[in-house]
Amino acid sequence: MHVQTAQTVAPLDQALVDSLDAYIREHQEEAGNLIPVLQYAQSAFGYLPEDVLKHISEALQISYSEVTGVVTFYSFFSTVPRGKHIVRVCLGTACYVRGGKEVLRAFRETLGIDVGGTTEDREFSLEVGRCFGACGLAPVVMVGDDVHQRVKPSGVKDILAQYEGVNA
């Protein structure tokens, strides 16, 4: 599997753009509307491509640099396509000490992607977390909202098999 790049993504879907415009009109006058608009756009498009960021900038009448500044500041936002299932491997202190780095390596090898990457079929994206608040269960991996505890590198394929072909 390979990382999908933004160049392979199709042009913007007009129905999604229309939906985004309707959302923007509904929230146009609200203070602090940029983050909710970005969240809506990411939910609709699956990520925040450059064309969408420019569209939001124009629609909200704020600078493009302000929009991209917010997007790059918050790790929740992604400017590259993400998989249906976001795999987050905790590398907080307890998870790291109890083998989190080896678990991460197993996910990288099994998925064929690096941290921040998305599989070519857009099934999985791989990310690192710093603490999920489950230190006693370390190492911990989250797939979407599901927490997997005491994960071993040998169990990575079984975890991924639970999600293959399942819509998020």
Protein backbone atom coordinates (compact mmCIF):
# COMPACT_ATOMS: atom_id res chain seq x y z
CA MET A 1 0.00 0.00 0.00
CA HIS A 2 1.21 3.53 -0.74
CA VAL A 3 0.49 6.98 0.57
CA GLN A 4 -2.14 8.84 -1.44
CA THR A 5 -1.15 12.33 -2.41
CA ALA A 6 -3.38 15.32 -2.96
CA GLN A 7 -2.63 15.20 -6.72
CA THR A 8 -4.68 12.02 -7.10
CA VAL A 9 -7.84 13.53 -5.65
CA ALA A 10 -10.74 14.41 -7.97
CA PRO A 11 -12.02 17.99 -8.42
CA LEU A 12 -14.38 19.33 -5.79
CA ASP A 13 -17.88 17.88 -5.75
CA GLN A 14 -20.30 20.74 -6.45
CA ALA A 15 -22.96 19.29 -4.14
CA LEU A 16 -20.46 19.38 -1.27
CA VAL A 17 -19.48 22.95 -2.13
CA ASP A 18 -23.17 23.94 -2.15
CA SER A 19 -23.64 22.27 1.23
CA LEU A 20 -20.61 24.12 2.61
CA ASP A 21 -21.96 27.42 1.26
CA ALA A 22 -25.29 26.80 2.96
CA TYR A 23 -23.51 26.08 6.25
CA ILE A 24 -21.41 29.23 5.90
CA ARG A 25 -24.50 31.36 5.21
CA GLU A 26 -26.20 29.90 8.28
CA HIS A 27 -23.22 30.79 10.50
CA GLN A 28 -21.92 33.89 8.66
CA GLU A 29 -22.65 36.36 11.46
CA GLU A 30 -21.45 34.23 14.38
CA ALA A 31 -18.25 35.26 16.12
CA GLY A 32 -15.56 32.60 15.97
CA ASN A 33 -17.17 30.83 13.04
CA LEU A 34 -13.94 29.77 11.31
CA ILE A 35 -13.28 26.60 13.32
CA PRO A 36 -16.87 25.29 13.05
CA VAL A 37 -16.82 26.00 9.30
CA LEU A 38 -13.51 24.14 8.94
CA GLN A 39 -14.87 21.23 10.97
CA TYR A 40 -17.95 21.09 8.76
CA ALA A 41 -15.85 21.25 5.59
CA GLN A 42 -13.49 18.51 6.78
CA SER A 43 -16.44 16.32 7.68
CA ALA A 44 -18.00 16.89 4.24
CA PHE A 45 -14.86 16.53 2.10
CA GLY A 46 -12.94 14.11 4.33
CA TYR A 47 -10.03 16.57 4.52
CA LEU A 48 -9.34 20.23 3.70
CA PRO A 49 -7.96 20.61 0.18
CA GLU A 50 -6.43 23.95 -0.85
CA ASP A 51 -9.45 24.86 -3.03
CA VAL A 52 -11.77 24.46 -0.05
CA LEU A 53 -9.54 26.60 2.16
CA LYS A 54 -9.51 29.35 -0.48
CA HIS A 55 -13.28 29.08 -0.82
CA ILE A 56 -13.74 29.42 2.96
CA SER A 57 -11.36 32.39 3.03
CA GLU A 58 -13.37 34.21 0.37
CA ALA A 59 -16.76 33.27 1.80
CA LEU A 60 -15.87 34.42 5.32
CA GLN A 61 -13.91 37.41 4.01
CA ILE A 62 -10.79 36.59 6.01
CA SER A 63 -7.26 36.16 4.76
CA TYR A 64 -6.13 32.84 3.34
CA SER A 65 -3.14 32.94 5.70
CA GLU A 66 -5.48 33.16 8.70
CA VAL A 67 -7.41 30.12 7.48
CA THR A 68 -4.26 28.08 6.84
CA GLY A 69 -2.78 29.24 10.15
CA VAL A 70 -5.73 27.75 12.03
CA VAL A 71 -5.62 24.55 9.97
CA THR A 72 -1.91 24.00 10.55
CA PHE A 73 -2.14 24.88 14.26
CA TYR A 74 -4.78 22.28 15.16
CA SER A 75 -3.80 18.66 14.62
CA PHE A 76 -7.46 17.71 14.14
CA PHE A 77 -7.43 19.30 10.69
CA SER A 78 -5.89 17.53 7.71
CA THR A 79 -4.96 18.94 4.32
CA VAL A 80 -4.41 15.48 2.83
CA PRO A 81 -7.00 12.75 2.30
CA ARG A 82 -7.50 10.59 5.36
CA GLY A 83 -8.60 7.02 5.63
CA LYS A 84 -12.00 5.83 6.79
CA HIS A 85 -10.28 4.51 9.91
CA ILE A 86 -7.78 6.67 11.79
CA VAL A 87 -5.26 4.52 13.67
CA ARG A 88 -3.61 6.42 16.53
CA VAL A 89 -0.75 4.79 18.38
CA CYS A 90 -0.02 6.31 21.76
CA LEU A 91 3.60 7.25 22.36
CA GLY A 92 3.07 8.90 25.72
CA THR A 93 5.60 7.92 28.38
CA ALA A 94 3.87 4.77 29.68
CA CYS A 95 2.99 3.49 26.21
CA TYR A 96 6.45 4.27 24.87
CA VAL A 97 8.17 2.45 27.73
CA ARG A 98 5.86 -0.56 27.37
CA GLY A 99 6.50 -1.05 23.65
CA GLY A 100 4.52 1.65 21.84
CA LYS A 101 7.39 2.33 19.46
CA GLU A 102 7.46 -1.33 18.36
CA VAL A 103 3.66 -1.32 17.96
CA LEU A 104 3.93 1.78 15.79
CA ARG A 105 6.62 0.09 13.66
CA ALA A 106 4.33 -2.93 13.20
CA PHE A 107 1.47 -0.67 12.03
CA ARG A 108 3.80 1.17 9.64
CA GLU A 109 5.06 -2.07 8.15
CA THR A 110 1.66 -3.75 7.95
CA LEU A 111 -0.08 -0.75 6.39
CA GLY A 112 2.89 0.22 4.24
CA ILE A 113 2.63 3.87 5.26
CA ASP A 114 4.43 6.24 7.57
CA VAL A 115 2.94 8.42 10.31
CA GLY A 116 0.68 11.01 8.69
CA GLY A 117 0.09 8.75 5.71
CA THR A 118 -3.03 7.17 4.28
CA THR A 119 -3.26 3.84 2.53
CA GLU A 120 -3.87 4.01 -1.20
CA ASP A 121 -7.36 2.54 -0.78
CA ARG A 122 -8.10 5.27 1.82
CA GLU A 123 -9.03 2.58 4.32
CA PHE A 124 -6.51 3.60 7.04
CA SER A 125 -4.52 6.64 8.15
CA LEU A 126 -1.76 6.38 10.73
CA GLU A 127 -1.14 8.94 13.46
CA VAL A 128 0.67 9.22 16.77
CA GLY A 129 -0.98 10.30 20.00
CA ARG A 130 0.74 11.57 23.12
CA CYS A 131 -1.59 10.29 25.84
CA PHE A 132 -5.04 8.74 25.77
CA GLY A 133 -5.42 8.67 29.56
CA ALA A 134 -5.19 4.88 29.74
CA CYS A 135 -1.61 4.51 30.97
CA GLY A 136 -2.38 1.40 33.02
CA LEU A 137 -3.44 -0.35 29.79
CA ALA A 138 -0.29 0.56 27.84
CA PRO A 139 0.54 0.34 25.06
CA VAL A 140 -2.74 1.70 23.74
CA VAL A 141 -3.97 2.11 20.18
CA MET A 142 -7.15 3.85 19.09
CA VAL A 143 -8.89 3.03 15.83
CA GLY A 144 -11.54 5.71 15.48
CA ASP A 145 -13.15 5.79 18.93
CA ASP A 146 -12.26 2.17 19.78
CA VAL A 147 -9.51 1.67 22.35
CA HIS A 148 -7.25 -1.36 22.04
CA GLN A 149 -5.23 -2.07 25.17
CA ARG A 150 -1.96 -3.87 25.87
CA VAL A 151 -1.32 -4.10 22.14
CA LYS A 152 1.59 -6.22 20.97
CA PRO A 153 3.21 -5.94 17.53
CA SER A 154 2.01 -9.48 16.79
CA GLY A 155 -1.61 -8.36 17.29
CA VAL A 156 -1.57 -5.50 14.77
CA LYS A 157 -2.91 -7.56 11.84
CA ASP A 158 -5.81 -8.83 13.95
CA ILE A 159 -6.72 -5.29 14.99
CA LEU A 160 -6.70 -4.06 11.39
CA ALA A 161 -8.74 -7.05 10.20
CA GLN A 162 -11.61 -5.88 12.45
CA TYR A 163 -11.94 -2.71 10.36
CA GLU A 164 -11.16 -3.73 6.78
CA GLY A 165 -14.18 -3.13 4.60
CA VAL A 166 -16.14 -1.59 7.51
CA ASN A 167 -17.46 1.93 6.98
CA ALA A 168 -16.43 4.41 9.63
